[in-house]
Amino acid sequence: MTDHDPRPTPETMAMPIASGNRLSRRRFLRGMAAVGAGGGAAALLAACSSDSGASSAPTAAAATASTQPASPSASAEPTPAPTPESELYVYNYADYIGDDAIPSFEAKYGIKVTYDFFDTYETMTAKISSGNSGYDITFATGVDVPGFLARNLVQPLDHSLIPNLVNLGPEWQDPGYDPGNAHSVPYMWWTTGFGYDTERISEELTSWAALWDERWKGKMAMLDDYRETFAVALIRLGYSVNTIDDAQLDEALALLQAQQPLLRKYTADDIGDLASGDVWLSHAWGADVSQVATELPSATYVIPDEGGIRGSDAMVLLSGAKHPIAANLFINHMLDPQVSADNTNYIYYMGPNEAAKAFIDPEILADPTLNPDKAAIDKLQELLDLGPDLQKYQERWTKLRAGA
């Protein structure tokens, strides 16, 4: 269990940090695919406990599906067509991409892709912090893009090579962390709310106040993530989740201190804790609860009435990349509606690609846990880079975890 936010800041990016929470979600998805729907939760969690290291580079011969989009208008082509480099190096989470995304890109452009994956987000940030990682593209949490830019770790994108940017939904075309998507392109997004077992808690829960309810003492968990956890308290108090006001942060700390004796834990594994019954009610990521529900149908996810958090991962072109044309073409390929939909259908995360919805599994589109409606989205806030003021959160988190 960590005692800090798994997302690094420019100040902490080079520090060794314990494994982040979000990896477990992607590894859990791979476990689902490996054991099938008939496997138990214990088998799934066991399947998620092993690391594979790095994937071998796919080859063009591995592509078995057509690389052409399902619709004649599904994907735009860069004009004029550039001459790309012959290879590309991509660094991503394990199992955070569809099966055909890379083979279809290789077949389309004749570019050899070396696709390596990192076991934790901190491994990735440490690797790229040298500025000479050897990779062209990696996947960063949106909130970290400004910090990466400040450290000259990423370079501007060539939008002339990424015409599929038009496929992004309106809310993703000018994100607060990267205006105009000048240095990044959104990849997948998620929400943070809470999940609970309706067989253990029969009443309908709709408010963050449930996580302060003494009836569930010892059976509740908060995420072991200081920005996410402080966000809950700040939302309850009616403040911005990005406030740097000391008085407001002190109020949030006091509210979390009042909650702490009621908790079983600050969890680094919301999936496992809910699936096993170790907790009945947990602060959680929506896609995690959706996966728990495949094994525990009584698990349900709530975006509280007061609102929640929306987060995203983004594709970035690293400074010093030796294959920038290929990298921009790869980003464009990932924005192809069919490719984007295939990624969502495989990993159960919604992408920001509006045009992809025509190809996404209808069950995913109909699941409010994975694809909340506009009314729910309008209540969500996005965590932003706070620069040196993030220390205010870190200091209060340390105090909270120390029980002071």
Protein backbone atom coordinates (compact mmCIF):
# COMPACT_ATOMS: atom_id res chain seq x y z
CA MET A 1 0.00 0.00 0.00
CA THR A 2 1.30 3.41 -0.85
CA ASP A 3 0.94 6.47 1.29
CA HIS A 4 1.01 9.01 -1.47
CA ASP A 5 -0.52 9.84 -4.81
CA PRO A 6 0.77 7.45 -7.49
CA ARG A 7 0.85 10.31 -9.96
CA PRO A 8 4.30 11.94 -9.92
CA THR A 9 4.92 15.66 -9.94
CA PRO A 10 7.87 17.39 -11.58
CA GLU A 11 9.53 17.44 -8.15
CA THR A 12 9.01 13.74 -7.41
CA MET A 13 9.21 12.25 -10.88
CA ALA A 14 12.71 10.89 -10.44
CA MET A 15 12.03 9.40 -7.00
CA PRO A 16 11.49 5.65 -6.59
CA ILE A 17 7.82 5.16 -5.74
CA ALA A 18 5.82 2.10 -4.80
CA SER A 19 3.52 0.50 -7.36
CA GLY A 20 0.63 2.71 -8.44
CA ASN A 21 -3.00 1.71 -8.14
CA ARG A 22 -4.16 1.96 -11.72
CA LEU A 23 -2.02 -0.86 -13.07
CA SER A 24 -4.09 -3.41 -11.16
CA ARG A 25 -7.11 -2.43 -13.21
CA ARG A 26 -5.45 -3.21 -16.53
CA ARG A 27 -3.87 -6.40 -15.27
CA PHE A 28 -7.25 -7.47 -13.93
CA LEU A 29 -8.74 -7.04 -17.40
CA ARG A 30 -6.05 -9.31 -18.81
CA GLY A 31 -6.89 -11.85 -16.14
CA MET A 32 -10.49 -11.78 -17.23
CA ALA A 33 -9.54 -12.46 -20.81
CA ALA A 34 -7.21 -15.27 -19.77
CA VAL A 35 -9.54 -17.26 -17.51
CA GLY A 36 -12.86 -16.41 -19.14
CA ALA A 37 -16.18 -15.52 -17.58
CA GLY A 38 -16.44 -18.91 -15.89
CA GLY A 39 -13.40 -18.35 -13.67
CA GLY A 40 -13.84 -17.22 -10.08
CA ALA A 41 -12.71 -13.90 -8.64
CA ALA A 42 -9.83 -15.59 -6.88
CA ALA A 43 -8.55 -16.99 -10.16
CA LEU A 44 -8.87 -13.61 -11.78
CA LEU A 45 -6.95 -11.89 -9.06
CA ALA A 46 -4.28 -14.58 -9.16
CA ALA A 47 -3.96 -14.11 -12.90
CA CYS A 48 -3.32 -10.43 -12.27
CA SER A 49 -0.48 -11.01 -9.82
CA SER A 50 2.27 -11.83 -12.30
CA ASP A 51 4.37 -9.49 -14.44
CA SER A 52 5.32 -10.28 -18.00
CA GLY A 53 8.10 -7.75 -18.50
CA ALA A 54 8.11 -6.45 -22.05
CA SER A 55 6.16 -7.63 -25.02
CA SER A 56 7.97 -8.78 -28.09
CA ALA A 57 7.52 -6.55 -31.11
CA PRO A 58 4.54 -7.59 -33.23
CA THR A 59 5.15 -8.21 -36.89
CA ALA A 60 3.17 -7.15 -39.89
CA ALA A 61 2.48 -10.81 -40.64
CA ALA A 62 0.59 -11.04 -37.36
CA ALA A 63 -2.19 -8.83 -38.67
CA THR A 64 -5.16 -11.00 -39.59
CA ALA A 65 -7.90 -8.39 -39.67
CA SER A 66 -8.43 -5.78 -42.35
CA THR A 67 -6.69 -2.52 -41.60
CA GLN A 68 -9.36 -0.59 -43.45
CA PRO A 69 -12.02 1.11 -41.34
CA ALA A 70 -15.52 -0.32 -41.34
CA SER A 71 -16.87 2.84 -42.94
CA PRO A 72 -15.41 4.69 -45.94
CA SER A 73 -15.34 7.87 -43.86
CA ALA A 74 -14.07 6.23 -40.66
CA SER A 75 -10.48 7.41 -40.87
CA ALA A 76 -8.82 10.43 -42.39
CA GLU A 77 -5.44 10.22 -44.08
CA PRO A 78 -2.63 12.75 -43.61
CA THR A 79 -2.22 14.96 -46.69
CA PRO A 80 0.26 15.01 -48.25
CA ALA A 81 1.27 11.52 -47.20
CA PRO A 82 4.67 11.77 -45.48
CA THR A 83 7.48 9.27 -45.68
CA PRO A 84 7.68 7.82 -42.18
CA GLU A 85 10.62 6.21 -40.48
CA SER A 86 10.81 2.43 -40.69
CA GLU A 87 10.37 1.72 -36.98
CA LEU A 88 8.61 2.99 -33.86
CA TYR A 89 9.09 2.43 -30.12
CA VAL A 90 6.00 2.56 -27.90
CA TYR A 91 5.93 2.36 -24.08
CA ASN A 92 2.57 1.62 -22.45
CA TYR A 93 0.82 -0.23 -19.66
CA ALA A 94 0.51 -3.95 -20.20
CA ASP A 95 -2.77 -4.98 -21.81
CA TYR A 96 -3.98 -1.43 -22.31
CA ILE A 97 -4.53 -1.76 -26.04
CA GLY A 98 -6.59 -3.93 -28.38
CA ASP A 99 -5.13 -7.02 -30.03
CA ASP A 100 -5.10 -5.62 -33.56
CA ALA A 101 -4.08 -1.99 -33.00
CA ILE A 102 -0.36 -2.56 -33.54
CA PRO A 103 -0.50 -5.29 -36.22
CA SER A 104 -2.92 -3.22 -38.29
CA PHE A 105 -0.66 -0.16 -38.01
CA GLU A 106 2.37 -2.20 -39.08
CA ALA A 107 0.49 -3.66 -42.03
CA LYS A 108 -0.80 -0.28 -43.12
CA TYR A 109 2.49 1.64 -43.01
CA GLY A 110 5.17 -1.05 -43.12
CA ILE A 111 6.57 0.32 -39.85
CA LYS A 112 8.09 -2.12 -37.38
CA VAL A 113 6.72 -1.42 -33.88
CA THR A 114 8.55 -2.37 -30.72
CA TYR A 115 5.92 -2.33 -28.00
CA ASP A 116 7.25 -2.52 -24.45
CA PHE A 117 5.19 -2.18 -21.33
CA PHE A 118 5.86 -0.86 -17.85
CA ASP A 119 4.71 -2.50 -14.65
CA THR A 120 3.98 0.76 -12.83
CA TYR A 121 3.47 4.36 -13.83
CA GLU A 122 6.49 5.29 -11.74
CA THR A 123 8.67 2.92 -13.76
CA MET A 124 7.65 4.80 -16.87
CA THR A 125 8.27 8.27 -15.45
CA ALA A 126 11.68 7.27 -14.16
CA LYS A 127 12.56 5.80 -17.56
CA ILE A 128 11.58 8.87 -19.57
CA SER A 129 13.01 11.37 -17.08
CA SER A 130 16.49 10.87 -18.52
CA GLY A 131 15.28 12.37 -21.79
CA ASN A 132 17.00 9.49 -23.58
CA SER A 133 14.67 6.56 -23.02
CA GLY A 134 14.78 5.34 -26.60
CA TYR A 135 10.99 5.44 -26.82
CA ASP A 136 8.94 7.62 -29.14
CA ILE A 137 5.51 7.46 -27.51
CA THR A 138 4.28 6.83 -24.01
CA PHE A 139 0.96 7.17 -22.19
CA ALA A 140 0.71 9.79 -19.45
CA THR A 141 -2.07 10.71 -17.05
CA GLY A 142 -3.57 13.93 -18.30
CA VAL A 143 -2.83 15.79 -15.08
CA ASP A 144 0.88 15.12 -15.59
CA VAL A 145 1.18 16.55 -19.09
CA PRO A 146 1.99 20.11 -17.86
CA GLY A 147 4.73 18.75 -15.61
CA PHE A 148 6.20 16.70 -18.44
CA LEU A 149 6.12 19.76 -20.65
CA ALA A 150 7.79 21.91 -17.99
CA ARG A 151 10.61 19.39 -17.83
CA ASN A 152 10.95 19.26 -21.62
CA LEU A 153 10.06 15.57 -21.65
CA VAL A 154 7.49 15.90 -24.44
CA GLN A 155 7.41 17.75 -27.74
CA PRO A 156 4.62 19.32 -29.80
CA LEU A 157 2.51 17.10 -32.02
CA ASP A 158 2.22 17.64 -35.76
CA HIS A 159 -1.52 18.03 -36.21
CA SER A 160 -1.14 17.89 -39.99
CA LEU A 161 -0.30 14.20 -39.53
CA ILE A 162 -3.21 13.61 -37.14
CA PRO A 163 -6.39 14.49 -39.07
CA ASN A 164 -8.35 12.01 -36.96
CA LEU A 165 -8.29 14.60 -34.17
CA VAL A 166 -11.67 15.61 -35.57
CA ASN A 167 -13.04 12.36 -34.14
CA LEU A 168 -12.56 13.55 -30.57
CA GLY A 169 -15.69 14.51 -28.68
CA PRO A 170 -16.08 18.26 -28.10
CA GLU A 171 -15.16 17.98 -24.42
CA TRP A 172 -11.80 16.45 -25.35
CA GLN A 173 -10.71 18.89 -28.05
CA ASP A 174 -9.38 21.50 -25.65
CA PRO A 175 -8.53 19.84 -22.32
CA GLY A 176 -7.50 22.04 -19.43
CA TYR A 177 -4.22 20.18 -18.98
CA ASP A 178 -3.18 20.69 -22.63
CA PRO A 179 -5.07 23.43 -24.51
CA GLY A 180 -5.74 22.46 -28.09
CA ASN A 181 -4.09 19.06 -27.56
CA ALA A 182 -0.84 20.70 -28.59
CA HIS A 183 1.35 18.12 -26.84
CA SER A 184 -0.95 15.17 -26.17
CA VAL A 185 -4.01 13.31 -27.41
CA PRO A 186 -6.52 11.75 -24.99
CA TYR A 187 -6.55 7.97 -25.08
CA MET A 188 -8.90 6.54 -22.44
CA TRP A 189 -10.82 8.08 -19.57
CA TRP A 190 -12.49 7.02 -16.35
CA THR A 191 -14.54 8.32 -13.44
CA THR A 192 -14.05 8.05 -9.71
CA GLY A 193 -17.03 7.51 -7.41
CA PHE A 194 -17.77 4.62 -5.08
CA GLY A 195 -18.82 1.01 -5.37
CA TYR A 196 -20.75 -1.14 -2.94
CA ASP A 197 -22.22 -4.60 -2.53
CA THR A 198 -25.99 -4.34 -2.66
CA GLU A 199 -26.38 -7.70 -0.92
CA ARG A 200 -24.50 -6.32 2.09
CA ILE A 201 -26.00 -2.84 1.94
CA SER A 202 -29.58 -3.04 0.73
CA GLU A 203 -30.46 0.65 0.67
CA GLU A 204 -29.68 2.82 -2.32
CA LEU A 205 -26.61 4.97 -1.74
CA THR A 206 -26.32 8.18 -3.73
CA SER A 207 -24.09 10.50 -1.69
CA TRP A 208 -20.47 10.67 -0.60
CA ALA A 209 -21.89 10.91 2.91
CA ALA A 210 -22.27 7.11 2.81
CA LEU A 211 -18.51 6.81 3.31
CA TRP A 212 -18.91 8.54 6.67
CA ASP A 213 -21.83 6.36 7.81
CA GLU A 214 -21.01 4.63 11.10
CA ARG A 215 -23.25 1.67 10.18
CA TRP A 216 -20.57 0.47 7.79
CA LYS A 217 -17.67 0.97 10.19
CA GLY A 218 -14.79 -1.40 9.45
CA LYS A 219 -16.24 -2.31 6.05
CA MET A 220 -15.35 0.80 4.09
CA ALA A 221 -12.25 1.86 2.18
CA MET A 222 -10.88 4.98 0.56
CA LEU A 223 -8.42 4.93 -2.31
CA ASP A 224 -4.78 5.12 -1.28
CA ASP A 225 -4.38 8.18 -3.48
CA TYR A 226 -4.13 11.57 -1.84
CA ARG A 227 -5.52 13.69 -4.67
CA GLU A 228 -8.50 11.39 -5.12
CA THR A 229 -9.18 11.09 -1.40
CA PHE A 230 -8.88 14.81 -0.69
CA ALA A 231 -11.12 15.40 -3.70
CA VAL A 232 -13.96 13.52 -2.00
CA ALA A 233 -13.73 15.70 1.10
CA LEU A 234 -13.46 18.87 -0.96
CA ILE A 235 -16.50 17.91 -3.05
CA ARG A 236 -18.50 17.26 0.12
CA LEU A 237 -17.52 20.70 1.37
CA GLY A 238 -18.46 22.36 -1.91
CA TYR A 239 -14.91 23.35 -2.85
CA SER A 240 -12.88 22.86 -6.01
CA VAL A 241 -10.87 19.64 -6.08
CA ASN A 242 -7.93 21.80 -7.19
CA THR A 243 -8.09 24.34 -4.39
CA ILE A 244 -4.85 25.59 -2.90
CA ASP A 245 -6.59 27.57 -0.16
CA ASP A 246 -5.09 26.50 3.17
CA ALA A 247 -8.28 26.99 5.15
CA GLN A 248 -10.28 24.86 2.72
CA LEU A 249 -7.63 22.14 2.75
CA ASP A 250 -7.62 22.16 6.55
CA GLU A 251 -11.40 21.68 6.52
CA ALA A 252 -10.96 18.75 4.15
CA LEU A 253 -8.29 17.24 6.39
CA ALA A 254 -10.55 17.53 9.42
CA LEU A 255 -13.35 15.79 7.53
CA LEU A 256 -11.03 12.94 6.52
CA GLN A 257 -9.71 12.66 10.06
CA ALA A 258 -13.27 12.24 11.29
CA GLN A 259 -13.79 9.49 8.73
CA GLN A 260 -10.55 7.60 9.36
CA PRO A 261 -11.72 5.54 12.42
CA LEU A 262 -14.61 4.22 10.32
CA LEU A 263 -12.38 2.82 7.56
CA ARG A 264 -11.00 -0.65 7.20
CA LYS A 265 -8.18 0.65 5.01
CA TYR A 266 -6.89 3.01 2.37
CA THR A 267 -6.93 0.59 -0.51
CA ALA A 268 -4.48 0.04 -3.33
CA ASP A 269 -6.74 -2.73 -4.69
CA ASP A 270 -10.37 -1.63 -4.88
CA ILE A 271 -11.11 -4.54 -7.21
CA GLY A 272 -9.83 -7.21 -4.86
CA ASP A 273 -11.30 -5.68 -1.73
CA LEU A 274 -14.80 -5.44 -3.16
CA ALA A 275 -14.69 -8.78 -4.97
CA SER A 276 -13.51 -10.64 -1.87
CA GLY A 277 -15.97 -8.99 0.49
CA ASP A 278 -13.17 -7.54 2.59
CA VAL A 279 -15.00 -4.23 2.23
CA TRP A 280 -18.63 -3.62 1.37
CA LEU A 281 -18.32 0.00 0.32
CA SER A 282 -15.29 1.54 -1.34
CA HIS A 283 -14.14 4.73 -2.99
CA ALA A 284 -13.37 3.33 -6.44
CA TRP A 285 -12.79 3.81 -10.15
CA GLY A 286 -15.84 3.06 -12.24
CA ALA A 287 -14.18 0.59 -14.60
CA ASP A 288 -12.90 -1.34 -11.59
CA VAL A 289 -16.39 -1.79 -10.18
CA SER A 290 -17.63 -2.83 -13.61
CA GLN A 291 -15.07 -5.62 -13.61
CA VAL A 292 -15.96 -6.68 -10.06
CA ALA A 293 -19.60 -6.90 -11.15
CA THR A 294 -18.75 -9.57 -13.72
CA GLU A 295 -17.95 -11.87 -10.79
CA LEU A 296 -20.04 -10.23 -8.09
CA PRO A 297 -23.31 -9.15 -9.75
CA SER A 298 -24.43 -7.41 -6.57
CA ALA A 299 -21.60 -4.87 -6.92
CA THR A 300 -22.78 -1.50 -8.19
CA TYR A 301 -21.09 1.80 -8.96
CA VAL A 302 -22.27 5.30 -8.11
CA ILE A 303 -21.26 8.73 -9.28
CA PRO A 304 -22.56 10.60 -6.24
CA ASP A 305 -25.11 13.37 -6.46
CA GLU A 306 -22.46 15.87 -5.37
CA GLY A 307 -20.21 14.90 -8.29
CA GLY A 308 -16.96 12.99 -8.72
CA ILE A 309 -13.69 12.91 -10.66
CA ARG A 310 -12.97 12.42 -14.33
CA GLY A 311 -9.47 11.37 -15.28
CA SER A 312 -7.76 10.44 -18.52
CA ASP A 313 -4.62 9.01 -20.03
CA ALA A 314 -3.04 10.70 -23.03
CA MET A 315 -0.59 9.73 -25.76
CA VAL A 316 2.51 11.93 -25.82
CA LEU A 317 5.46 12.25 -28.20
CA LEU A 318 8.66 12.20 -26.17
CA SER A 319 11.42 14.72 -26.62
CA GLY A 320 14.31 13.18 -28.45
CA ALA A 321 12.05 10.72 -30.25
CA LYS A 322 13.93 9.38 -33.26
CA HIS A 323 10.80 8.49 -35.21
CA PRO A 324 8.47 11.50 -34.95
CA ILE A 325 6.63 10.99 -38.25
CA ALA A 326 5.86 7.37 -37.41
CA ALA A 327 4.81 8.47 -33.92
CA ASN A 328 2.34 11.05 -35.19
CA LEU A 329 0.94 8.53 -37.67
CA PHE A 330 0.53 6.02 -34.83
CA ILE A 331 -1.44 8.53 -32.78
CA ASN A 332 -3.63 9.18 -35.82
CA HIS A 333 -4.13 5.43 -36.23
CA MET A 334 -5.21 5.12 -32.60
CA LEU A 335 -7.85 7.76 -33.30
CA ASP A 336 -9.33 5.73 -36.16
CA PRO A 337 -12.91 4.96 -35.07
CA GLN A 338 -12.62 1.21 -35.58
CA VAL A 339 -9.23 0.95 -33.89
CA SER A 340 -10.40 3.09 -30.98
CA ALA A 341 -13.57 1.03 -30.61
CA ASP A 342 -11.60 -2.22 -30.70
CA ASN A 343 -9.41 -0.89 -27.89
CA THR A 344 -12.46 -0.04 -25.78
CA ASN A 345 -14.11 -3.38 -26.48
CA TYR A 346 -10.94 -5.14 -25.34
CA ILE A 347 -10.01 -3.20 -22.18
CA TYR A 348 -13.45 -1.92 -21.08
CA TYR A 349 -12.37 1.71 -20.84
CA MET A 350 -14.19 4.41 -22.76
CA GLY A 351 -12.13 6.47 -25.14
CA PRO A 352 -12.75 10.13 -26.03
CA ASN A 353 -13.44 9.20 -29.66
CA GLU A 354 -16.99 10.23 -30.55
CA ALA A 355 -16.80 8.60 -34.00
CA ALA A 356 -15.84 5.26 -32.40
CA LYS A 357 -19.19 4.87 -30.67
CA ALA A 358 -20.69 3.39 -33.83
CA PHE A 359 -18.35 0.39 -33.39
CA ILE A 360 -18.31 -0.02 -29.59
CA ASP A 361 -20.10 -2.97 -28.00
CA PRO A 362 -23.66 -1.78 -27.24
CA GLU A 363 -23.43 -3.30 -23.75
CA ILE A 364 -20.48 -1.04 -22.95
CA LEU A 365 -22.27 2.01 -24.32
CA ALA A 366 -25.33 1.16 -22.24
CA ASP A 367 -23.34 0.71 -19.03
CA PRO A 368 -23.44 3.98 -17.04
CA THR A 369 -20.47 2.78 -15.02
CA LEU A 370 -18.30 2.90 -18.15
CA ASN A 371 -20.20 5.45 -20.20
CA PRO A 372 -22.04 7.90 -17.94
CA ASP A 373 -24.59 10.23 -19.43
CA LYS A 374 -24.08 13.96 -19.90
CA ALA A 375 -25.86 14.83 -16.66
CA ALA A 376 -23.37 12.72 -14.72
CA ILE A 377 -20.38 13.97 -16.70
CA ASP A 378 -21.38 17.58 -16.05
CA LYS A 379 -20.96 16.94 -12.32
CA LEU A 380 -17.39 15.69 -12.68
CA GLN A 381 -14.23 17.67 -11.99
CA GLU A 382 -10.76 17.01 -13.37
CA LEU A 383 -7.65 16.99 -11.20
CA LEU A 384 -5.16 19.53 -12.51
CA ASP A 385 -1.43 19.99 -12.08
CA LEU A 386 -0.85 22.22 -9.05
CA GLY A 387 2.90 22.65 -9.35
CA PRO A 388 4.63 23.47 -6.04
CA ASP A 389 1.26 23.87 -4.30
CA LEU A 390 0.78 20.11 -4.48
CA GLN A 391 2.99 20.01 -1.40
CA LYS A 392 0.03 21.33 0.56
CA TYR A 393 -1.83 18.12 -0.20
CA GLN A 394 1.18 15.91 0.47
CA GLU A 395 1.82 17.43 3.90
CA ARG A 396 -1.80 17.00 4.97
CA TRP A 397 -1.92 13.45 3.59
CA THR A 398 1.15 12.56 5.64
CA LYS A 399 -0.51 14.00 8.71
CA LEU A 400 -3.73 12.06 8.01
CA ARG A 401 -1.95 8.75 7.49
CA ALA A 402 0.11 9.25 10.61
CA GLY A 403 -3.13 9.56 12.57
CA ALA A 404 -2.15 12.99 13.83
